[in-house]
Amino acid sequence: MAIKSVSSTEAQNNFGQVIDDVTQNHTRYIVERRGTPKAVILSFDDFAKVLNDAKERQEMGSIIRELQPEYGVGQVVNLKTRAK
């Protein structure tokens, strides 16, 4: 099963092709906006598989942790714990 990353504009402009790839080839898409992952597109069958299979859930969790930014805009930084 392939996982592809695509910009939100590219996903929007090629939505029919993305849906065909998702349903026919079981490809999963990570949709990014300004380089940050915002959504996942996967087939209904793959979604059911993720919900019902512990190994699939673990793999999806690993992908999310890998792609998730470590900090966000405006996040509060505790300077007392960072200063040494």
PDB file of N, CA and C in Angstrom:
ATOM      1  N   MET A   1       0.846  -1.168   0.000  1.00  0.00           N
ATOM      2  CA  MET A   1       0.000   0.000   0.000  1.00  0.00           C
ATOM      3  C   MET A   1       0.895   1.236   0.000  1.00  0.00           C
ATOM      4  N   ALA A   2       0.666   2.118  -0.937  1.00  0.00           N
ATOM      5  CA  ALA A   2       1.474   3.325  -1.077  1.00  0.00           C
ATOM      6  C   ALA A   2       0.862   4.472  -0.283  1.00  0.00           C
ATOM      7  N   ILE A   3       1.732   5.328   0.216  1.00  0.00           N
ATOM      8  CA  ILE A   3       1.309   6.559   0.867  1.00  0.00           C
ATOM      9  C   ILE A   3       1.965   7.693   0.096  1.00  0.00           C
ATOM     10  N   LYS A   4       1.133   8.633  -0.371  1.00  0.00           N
ATOM     11  CA  LYS A   4       1.629   9.762  -1.144  1.00  0.00           C
ATOM     12  C   LYS A   4       1.304  11.055  -0.417  1.00  0.00           C
ATOM     13  N   SER A   5       2.200  12.019  -0.550  1.00  0.00           N
ATOM     14  CA  SER A   5       1.980  13.343  -0.008  1.00  0.00           C
ATOM     15  C   SER A   5       1.614  14.269  -1.164  1.00  0.00           C
ATOM     16  N   VAL A   6       0.613  15.113  -0.941  1.00  0.00           N
ATOM     17  CA  VAL A   6       0.135  15.993  -2.006  1.00  0.00           C
ATOM     18  C   VAL A   6      -0.282  17.320  -1.382  1.00  0.00           C
ATOM     19  N   SER A   7      -0.053  18.408  -2.099  1.00  0.00           N
ATOM     20  CA  SER A   7      -0.507  19.715  -1.601  1.00  0.00           C
ATOM     21  C   SER A   7      -2.029  19.784  -1.698  1.00  0.00           C
ATOM     22  N   SER A   8      -2.623  20.642  -0.907  1.00  0.00           N
ATOM     23  CA  SER A   8      -4.080  20.776  -0.939  1.00  0.00           C
ATOM     24  C   SER A   8      -4.553  21.254  -2.307  1.00  0.00           C
ATOM     25  N   THR A   9      -3.789  22.132  -2.942  1.00  0.00           N
ATOM     26  CA  THR A   9      -4.155  22.622  -4.274  1.00  0.00           C
ATOM     27  C   THR A   9      -4.105  21.491  -5.291  1.00  0.00           C
ATOM     28  N   GLU A  10      -3.056  20.681  -5.229  1.00  0.00           N
ATOM     29  CA  GLU A  10      -2.941  19.555  -6.152  1.00  0.00           C
ATOM     30  C   GLU A  10      -4.061  18.543  -5.930  1.00  0.00           C
ATOM     31  N   ALA A  11      -4.394  18.274  -4.666  1.00  0.00           N
ATOM     32  CA  ALA A  11      -5.495  17.358  -4.356  1.00  0.00           C
ATOM     33  C   ALA A  11      -6.815  17.908  -4.902  1.00  0.00           C
ATOM     34  N   GLN A  12      -7.034  19.201  -4.732  1.00  0.00           N
ATOM     35  CA  GLN A  12      -8.263  19.831  -5.213  1.00  0.00           C
ATOM     36  C   GLN A  12      -8.350  19.779  -6.733  1.00  0.00           C
ATOM     37  N   ASN A  13      -7.254  20.093  -7.396  1.00  0.00           N
ATOM     38  CA  ASN A  13      -7.256  20.129  -8.859  1.00  0.00           C
ATOM     39  C   ASN A  13      -7.347  18.744  -9.493  1.00  0.00           C
ATOM     40  N   ASN A  14      -6.983  17.721  -8.763  1.00  0.00           N
ATOM     41  CA  ASN A  14      -6.971  16.349  -9.292  1.00  0.00           C
ATOM     42  C   ASN A  14      -7.797  15.410  -8.427  1.00  0.00           C
ATOM     43  N   PHE A  15      -8.867  15.926  -7.833  1.00  0.00           N
ATOM     44  CA  PHE A  15      -9.623  15.149  -6.859  1.00  0.00           C
ATOM     45  C   PHE A  15     -10.161  13.834  -7.431  1.00  0.00           C
ATOM     46  N   GLY A  16     -10.666  13.857  -8.643  1.00  0.00           N
ATOM     47  CA  GLY A  16     -11.174  12.626  -9.263  1.00  0.00           C
ATOM     48  C   GLY A  16     -10.090  11.577  -9.398  1.00  0.00           C
ATOM     49  N   GLN A  17      -8.920  11.993  -9.815  1.00  0.00           N
ATOM     50  CA  GLN A  17      -7.797  11.069  -9.965  1.00  0.00           C
ATOM     51  C   GLN A  17      -7.341  10.536  -8.594  1.00  0.00           C
ATOM     52  N   VAL A  18      -7.332  11.413  -7.592  1.00  0.00           N
ATOM     53  CA  VAL A  18      -6.962  10.983  -6.242  1.00  0.00           C
ATOM     54  C   VAL A  18      -7.946   9.935  -5.745  1.00  0.00           C
ATOM     55  N   ILE A  19      -9.238  10.187  -5.898  1.00  0.00           N
ATOM     56  CA  ILE A  19     -10.260   9.228  -5.458  1.00  0.00           C
ATOM     57  C   ILE A  19     -10.112   7.906  -6.198  1.00  0.00           C
ATOM     58  N   ASP A  20      -9.862   7.944  -7.497  1.00  0.00           N
ATOM     59  CA  ASP A  20      -9.647   6.703  -8.257  1.00  0.00           C
ATOM     60  C   ASP A  20      -8.446   5.939  -7.721  1.00  0.00           C
ATOM     61  N   ASP A  21      -7.349   6.632  -7.444  1.00  0.00           N
ATOM     62  CA  ASP A  21      -6.145   5.989  -6.930  1.00  0.00           C
ATOM     63  C   ASP A  21      -6.397   5.390  -5.549  1.00  0.00           C
ATOM     64  N   VAL A  22      -7.135   6.105  -4.726  1.00  0.00           N
ATOM     65  CA  VAL A  22      -7.460   5.636  -3.379  1.00  0.00           C
ATOM     66  C   VAL A  22      -8.315   4.380  -3.434  1.00  0.00           C
ATOM     67  N   THR A  23      -9.342   4.391  -4.267  1.00  0.00           N
ATOM     68  CA  THR A  23     -10.278   3.263  -4.289  1.00  0.00           C
ATOM     69  C   THR A  23      -9.768   2.075  -5.096  1.00  0.00           C
ATOM     70  N   GLN A  24      -9.054   2.318  -6.178  1.00  0.00           N
ATOM     71  CA  GLN A  24      -8.596   1.220  -7.034  1.00  0.00           C
ATOM     72  C   GLN A  24      -7.267   0.630  -6.582  1.00  0.00           C
ATOM     73  N   ASN A  25      -6.370   1.464  -6.055  1.00  0.00           N
ATOM     74  CA  ASN A  25      -5.023   1.004  -5.712  1.00  0.00           C
ATOM     75  C   ASN A  25      -4.735   1.014  -4.212  1.00  0.00           C
ATOM     76  N   HIS A  26      -5.729   1.395  -3.429  1.00  0.00           N
ATOM     77  CA  HIS A  26      -5.593   1.481  -1.968  1.00  0.00           C
ATOM     78  C   HIS A  26      -4.446   2.397  -1.550  1.00  0.00           C
ATOM     79  N   THR A  27      -4.208   3.437  -2.338  1.00  0.00           N
ATOM     80  CA  THR A  27      -3.206   4.440  -2.002  1.00  0.00           C
ATOM     81  C   THR A  27      -3.784   5.357  -0.940  1.00  0.00           C
ATOM     82  N   ARG A  28      -2.956   5.749  -0.006  1.00  0.00           N
ATOM     83  CA  ARG A  28      -3.362   6.715   1.015  1.00  0.00           C
ATOM     84  C   ARG A  28      -2.655   8.034   0.722  1.00  0.00           C
ATOM     85  N   TYR A  29      -3.373   9.123   0.864  1.00  0.00           N
ATOM     86  CA  TYR A  29      -2.813  10.450   0.598  1.00  0.00           C
ATOM     87  C   TYR A  29      -2.761  11.270   1.879  1.00  0.00           C
ATOM     88  N   ILE A  30      -1.647  11.936   2.070  1.00  0.00           N
ATOM     89  CA  ILE A  30      -1.511  12.929   3.125  1.00  0.00           C
ATOM     90  C   ILE A  30      -1.578  14.282   2.419  1.00  0.00           C
ATOM     91  N   VAL A  31      -2.573  15.063   2.776  1.00  0.00           N
ATOM     92  CA  VAL A  31      -2.784  16.364   2.143  1.00  0.00           C
ATOM     93  C   VAL A  31      -2.125  17.432   3.011  1.00  0.00           C
ATOM     94  N   GLU A  32      -1.257  18.212   2.371  1.00  0.00           N
ATOM     95  CA  GLU A  32      -0.526  19.253   3.091  1.00  0.00           C
ATOM     96  C   GLU A  32      -0.954  20.636   2.634  1.00  0.00           C
ATOM     97  N   ARG A  33      -0.918  21.553   3.569  1.00  0.00           N
ATOM     98  CA  ARG A  33      -1.134  22.970   3.257  1.00  0.00           C
ATOM     99  C   ARG A  33       0.056  23.728   3.838  1.00  0.00           C
ATOM    100  N   ARG A  34       0.740  24.439   2.960  1.00  0.00           N
ATOM    101  CA  ARG A  34       1.946  25.183   3.345  1.00  0.00           C
ATOM    102  C   ARG A  34       2.968  24.270   4.018  1.00  0.00           C
ATOM    103  N   GLY A  35       3.080  23.043   3.497  1.00  0.00           N
ATOM    104  CA  GLY A  35       4.075  22.103   3.981  1.00  0.00           C
ATOM    105  C   GLY A  35       3.735  21.379   5.269  1.00  0.00           C
ATOM    106  N   THR A  36       2.534  21.615   5.802  1.00  0.00           N
ATOM    107  CA  THR A  36       2.117  20.971   7.039  1.00  0.00           C
ATOM    108  C   THR A  36       0.978  19.998   6.756  1.00  0.00           C
ATOM    109  N   PRO A  37       1.080  18.741   7.216  1.00  0.00           N
ATOM    110  CA  PRO A  37       0.004  17.768   7.002  1.00  0.00           C
ATOM    111  C   PRO A  37      -1.297  18.238   7.653  1.00  0.00           C
ATOM    112  N   LYS A  38      -2.397  18.208   6.867  1.00  0.00           N
ATOM    113  CA  LYS A  38      -3.688  18.674   7.355  1.00  0.00           C
ATOM    114  C   LYS A  38      -4.776  17.612   7.294  1.00  0.00           C
ATOM    115  N   ALA A  39      -4.658  16.644   6.370  1.00  0.00           N
ATOM    116  CA  ALA A  39      -5.722  15.654   6.201  1.00  0.00           C
ATOM    117  C   ALA A  39      -5.150  14.374   5.604  1.00  0.00           C
ATOM    118  N   VAL A  40      -5.904  13.309   5.774  1.00  0.00           N
ATOM    119  CA  VAL A  40      -5.562  12.015   5.178  1.00  0.00           C
ATOM    120  C   VAL A  40      -6.754  11.568   4.344  1.00  0.00           C
ATOM    121  N   ILE A  41      -6.470  11.100   3.144  1.00  0.00           N
ATOM    122  CA  ILE A  41      -7.525  10.540   2.288  1.00  0.00           C
ATOM    123  C   ILE A  41      -7.216   9.059   2.117  1.00  0.00           C
ATOM    124  N   LEU A  42      -8.168   8.222   2.500  1.00  0.00           N
ATOM    125  CA  LEU A  42      -8.034   6.790   2.304  1.00  0.00           C
ATOM    126  C   LEU A  42      -9.399   6.211   1.983  1.00  0.00           C
ATOM    127  N   SER A  43      -9.396   5.028   1.384  1.00  0.00           N
ATOM    128  CA  SER A  43     -10.669   4.418   0.995  1.00  0.00           C
ATOM    129  C   SER A  43     -11.470   4.019   2.234  1.00  0.00           C
ATOM    130  N   PHE A  44     -12.756   3.841   2.049  1.00  0.00           N
ATOM    131  CA  PHE A  44     -13.617   3.419   3.153  1.00  0.00           C
ATOM    132  C   PHE A  44     -13.169   2.061   3.681  1.00  0.00           C
ATOM    133  N   ASP A  45     -12.789   1.150   2.779  1.00  0.00           N
ATOM    134  CA  ASP A  45     -12.307  -0.175   3.191  1.00  0.00           C
ATOM    135  C   ASP A  45     -11.035  -0.068   4.027  1.00  0.00           C
ATOM    136  N   ASP A  46     -10.103   0.802   3.609  1.00  0.00           N
ATOM    137  CA  ASP A  46      -8.877   1.001   4.379  1.00  0.00           C
ATOM    138  C   ASP A  46      -9.178   1.622   5.736  1.00  0.00           C
ATOM    139  N   PHE A  47     -10.137   2.544   5.775  1.00  0.00           N
ATOM    140  CA  PHE A  47     -10.535   3.163   7.035  1.00  0.00           C
ATOM    141  C   PHE A  47     -11.077   2.108   7.998  1.00  0.00           C
ATOM    142  N   ALA A  48     -11.932   1.228   7.499  1.00  0.00           N
ATOM    143  CA  ALA A  48     -12.479   0.153   8.325  1.00  0.00           C
ATOM    144  C   ALA A  48     -11.351  -0.759   8.819  1.00  0.00           C
ATOM    145  N   LYS A  49     -10.387  -1.011   7.958  1.00  0.00           N
ATOM    146  CA  LYS A  49      -9.249  -1.858   8.327  1.00  0.00           C
ATOM    147  C   LYS A  49      -8.443  -1.211   9.450  1.00  0.00           C
ATOM    148  N   VAL A  50      -8.224   0.094   9.356  1.00  0.00           N
ATOM    149  CA  VAL A  50      -7.485   0.808  10.401  1.00  0.00           C
ATOM    150  C   VAL A  50      -8.233   0.725  11.721  1.00  0.00           C
ATOM    151  N   LEU A  51      -9.539   0.879  11.686  1.00  0.00           N
ATOM    152  CA  LEU A  51     -10.336   0.839  12.907  1.00  0.00           C
ATOM    153  C   LEU A  51     -10.354  -0.551  13.548  1.00  0.00           C
ATOM    154  N   ASN A  52     -10.296  -1.594  12.728  1.00  0.00           N
ATOM    155  CA  ASN A  52     -10.459  -2.956  13.232  1.00  0.00           C
ATOM    156  C   ASN A  52      -9.162  -3.730  13.435  1.00  0.00           C
ATOM    157  N   ASP A  53      -8.032  -3.183  13.034  1.00  0.00           N
ATOM    158  CA  ASP A  53      -6.769  -3.920  13.076  1.00  0.00           C
ATOM    159  C   ASP A  53      -5.746  -3.150  13.920  1.00  0.00           C
ATOM    160  N   ALA A  54      -5.322  -3.747  15.020  1.00  0.00           N
ATOM    161  CA  ALA A  54      -4.389  -3.082  15.930  1.00  0.00           C
ATOM    162  C   ALA A  54      -3.074  -2.738  15.238  1.00  0.00           C
ATOM    163  N   LYS A  55      -2.580  -3.611  14.381  1.00  0.00           N
ATOM    164  CA  LYS A  55      -1.323  -3.351  13.679  1.00  0.00           C
ATOM    165  C   LYS A  55      -1.474  -2.149  12.745  1.00  0.00           C
ATOM    166  N   GLU A  56      -2.597  -2.064  12.037  1.00  0.00           N
ATOM    167  CA  GLU A  56      -2.857  -0.924  11.154  1.00  0.00           C
ATOM    168  C   GLU A  56      -2.930   0.376  11.955  1.00  0.00           C
ATOM    169  N   ARG A  57      -3.590   0.341  13.108  1.00  0.00           N
ATOM    170  CA  ARG A  57      -3.687   1.530  13.954  1.00  0.00           C
ATOM    171  C   ARG A  57      -2.306   1.967  14.430  1.00  0.00           C
ATOM    172  N   GLN A  58      -1.470   1.007  14.778  1.00  0.00           N
ATOM    173  CA  GLN A  58      -0.129   1.309  15.236  1.00  0.00           C
ATOM    174  C   GLN A  58       0.695   1.934  14.107  1.00  0.00           C
ATOM    175  N   GLU A  59       0.596   1.390  12.897  1.00  0.00           N
ATOM    176  CA  GLU A  59       1.315   1.932  11.751  1.00  0.00           C
ATOM    177  C   GLU A  59       0.848   3.352  11.437  1.00  0.00           C
ATOM    178  N   MET A  60      -0.460   3.579  11.494  1.00  0.00           N
ATOM    179  CA  MET A  60      -1.002   4.915  11.229  1.00  0.00           C
ATOM    180  C   MET A  60      -0.527   5.888  12.306  1.00  0.00           C
ATOM    181  N   GLY A  61      -0.491   5.439  13.546  1.00  0.00           N
ATOM    182  CA  GLY A  61       0.008   6.276  14.629  1.00  0.00           C
ATOM    183  C   GLY A  61       1.466   6.661  14.427  1.00  0.00           C
ATOM    184  N   SER A  62       2.267   5.727  13.938  1.00  0.00           N
ATOM    185  CA  SER A  62       3.683   6.005  13.668  1.00  0.00           C
ATOM    186  C   SER A  62       3.830   7.059  12.581  1.00  0.00           C
ATOM    187  N   ILE A  63       3.025   6.955  11.544  1.00  0.00           N
ATOM    188  CA  ILE A  63       3.070   7.938  10.453  1.00  0.00           C
ATOM    189  C   ILE A  63       2.683   9.317  10.974  1.00  0.00           C
ATOM    190  N   ILE A  64       1.649   9.370  11.791  1.00  0.00           N
ATOM    191  CA  ILE A  64       1.193  10.645  12.331  1.00  0.00           C
ATOM    192  C   ILE A  64       2.276  11.275  13.202  1.00  0.00           C
ATOM    193  N   ARG A  65       2.883  10.478  14.076  1.00  0.00           N
ATOM    194  CA  ARG A  65       3.941  11.016  14.946  1.00  0.00           C
ATOM    195  C   ARG A  65       5.133  11.512  14.127  1.00  0.00           C
ATOM    196  N   GLU A  66       5.454  10.817  13.055  1.00  0.00           N
ATOM    197  CA  GLU A  66       6.585  11.197  12.220  1.00  0.00           C
ATOM    198  C   GLU A  66       6.336  12.521  11.490  1.00  0.00           C
ATOM    199  N   LEU A  67       5.111  12.733  11.048  1.00  0.00           N
ATOM    200  CA  LEU A  67       4.796  13.912  10.251  1.00  0.00           C
ATOM    201  C   LEU A  67       4.307  15.106  11.066  1.00  0.00           C
ATOM    202  N   GLN A  68       3.912  14.878  12.291  1.00  0.00           N
ATOM    203  CA  GLN A  68       3.340  15.941  13.105  1.00  0.00           C
ATOM    204  C   GLN A  68       4.421  16.933  13.513  1.00  0.00           C
ATOM    205  N   PRO A  69       4.162  18.218  13.334  1.00  0.00           N
ATOM    206  CA  PRO A  69       5.145  19.214  13.754  1.00  0.00           C
ATOM    207  C   PRO A  69       5.356  19.160  15.263  1.00  0.00           C
ATOM    208  N   GLU A  70       6.554  19.476  15.701  1.00  0.00           N
ATOM    209  CA  GLU A  70       6.881  19.419  17.127  1.00  0.00           C
ATOM    210  C   GLU A  70       6.346  20.627  17.893  1.00  0.00           C
ATOM    211  N   TYR A  71       6.064  21.707  17.208  1.00  0.00           N
ATOM    212  CA  TYR A  71       5.526  22.894  17.860  1.00  0.00           C
ATOM    213  C   TYR A  71       4.619  23.613  16.889  1.00  0.00           C
ATOM    214  N   GLY A  72       3.769  24.459  17.420  1.00  0.00           N
ATOM    215  CA  GLY A  72       2.845  25.200  16.587  1.00  0.00           C
ATOM    216  C   GLY A  72       3.072  26.697  16.728  1.00  0.00           C
ATOM    217  N   VAL A  73       2.492  27.453  15.874  1.00  0.00           N
ATOM    218  CA  VAL A  73       2.597  28.906  15.921  1.00  0.00           C
ATOM    219  C   VAL A  73       1.938  29.402  17.201  1.00  0.00           C
ATOM    220  N   GLY A  74       2.654  30.222  17.935  1.00  0.00           N
ATOM    221  CA  GLY A  74       2.095  30.799  19.146  1.00  0.00           C
ATOM    222  C   GLY A  74       2.108  29.895  20.353  1.00  0.00           C
ATOM    223  N   GLN A  75       2.775  28.760  20.282  1.00  0.00           N
ATOM    224  CA  GLN A  75       2.817  27.857  21.420  1.00  0.00           C
ATOM    225  C   GLN A  75       3.613  28.494  22.552  1.00  0.00           C
ATOM    226  N   VAL A  76       3.141  28.347  23.761  1.00  0.00           N
ATOM    227  CA  VAL A  76       3.805  28.920  24.922  1.00  0.00           C
ATOM    228  C   VAL A  76       5.029  28.077  25.246  1.00  0.00           C
ATOM    229  N   VAL A  77       6.155  28.740  25.444  1.00  0.00           N
ATOM    230  CA  VAL A  77       7.395  28.073  25.795  1.00  0.00           C
ATOM    231  C   VAL A  77       7.718  28.406  27.241  1.00  0.00           C
ATOM    232  N   ASN A  78       7.928  27.375  28.053  1.00  0.00           N
ATOM    233  CA  ASN A  78       8.269  27.572  29.448  1.00  0.00           C
ATOM    234  C   ASN A  78       9.767  27.803  29.543  1.00  0.00           C
ATOM    235  N   LEU A  79      10.194  29.050  29.740  1.00  0.00           N
ATOM    236  CA  LEU A  79      11.612  29.391  29.738  1.00  0.00           C
ATOM    237  C   LEU A  79      12.336  28.865  30.969  1.00  0.00           C
ATOM    238  N   LYS A  80      11.631  28.644  32.063  1.00  0.00           N
ATOM    239  CA  LYS A  80      12.276  28.143  33.277  1.00  0.00           C
ATOM    240  C   LYS A  80      12.828  26.735  33.073  1.00  0.00           C
ATOM    241  N   THR A  81      12.122  25.909  32.326  1.00  0.00           N
ATOM    242  CA  THR A  81      12.582  24.538  32.108  1.00  0.00           C
ATOM    243  C   THR A  81      13.608  24.473  31.004  1.00  0.00           C
ATOM    244  N   ARG A  82      13.687  25.491  30.143  1.00  0.00           N
ATOM    245  CA  ARG A  82      14.632  25.487  29.029  1.00  0.00           C
ATOM    246  C   ARG A  82      15.962  26.110  29.399  1.00  0.00           C
ATOM    247  N   ALA A  83      15.951  27.021  30.371  1.00  0.00           N
ATOM    248  CA  ALA A  83      17.191  27.712  30.753  1.00  0.00           C
ATOM    249  C   ALA A  83      18.061  26.798  31.598  1.00  0.00           C
ATOM    250  N   LYS A  84      19.359  26.858  31.321  1.00  0.00           N
ATOM    251  CA  LYS A  84      20.295  26.020  32.093  1.00  0.00           C
ATOM    252  C   LYS A  84      21.482  26.832  32.480  1.00  0.00           C
TER     253      LYS A  84
END
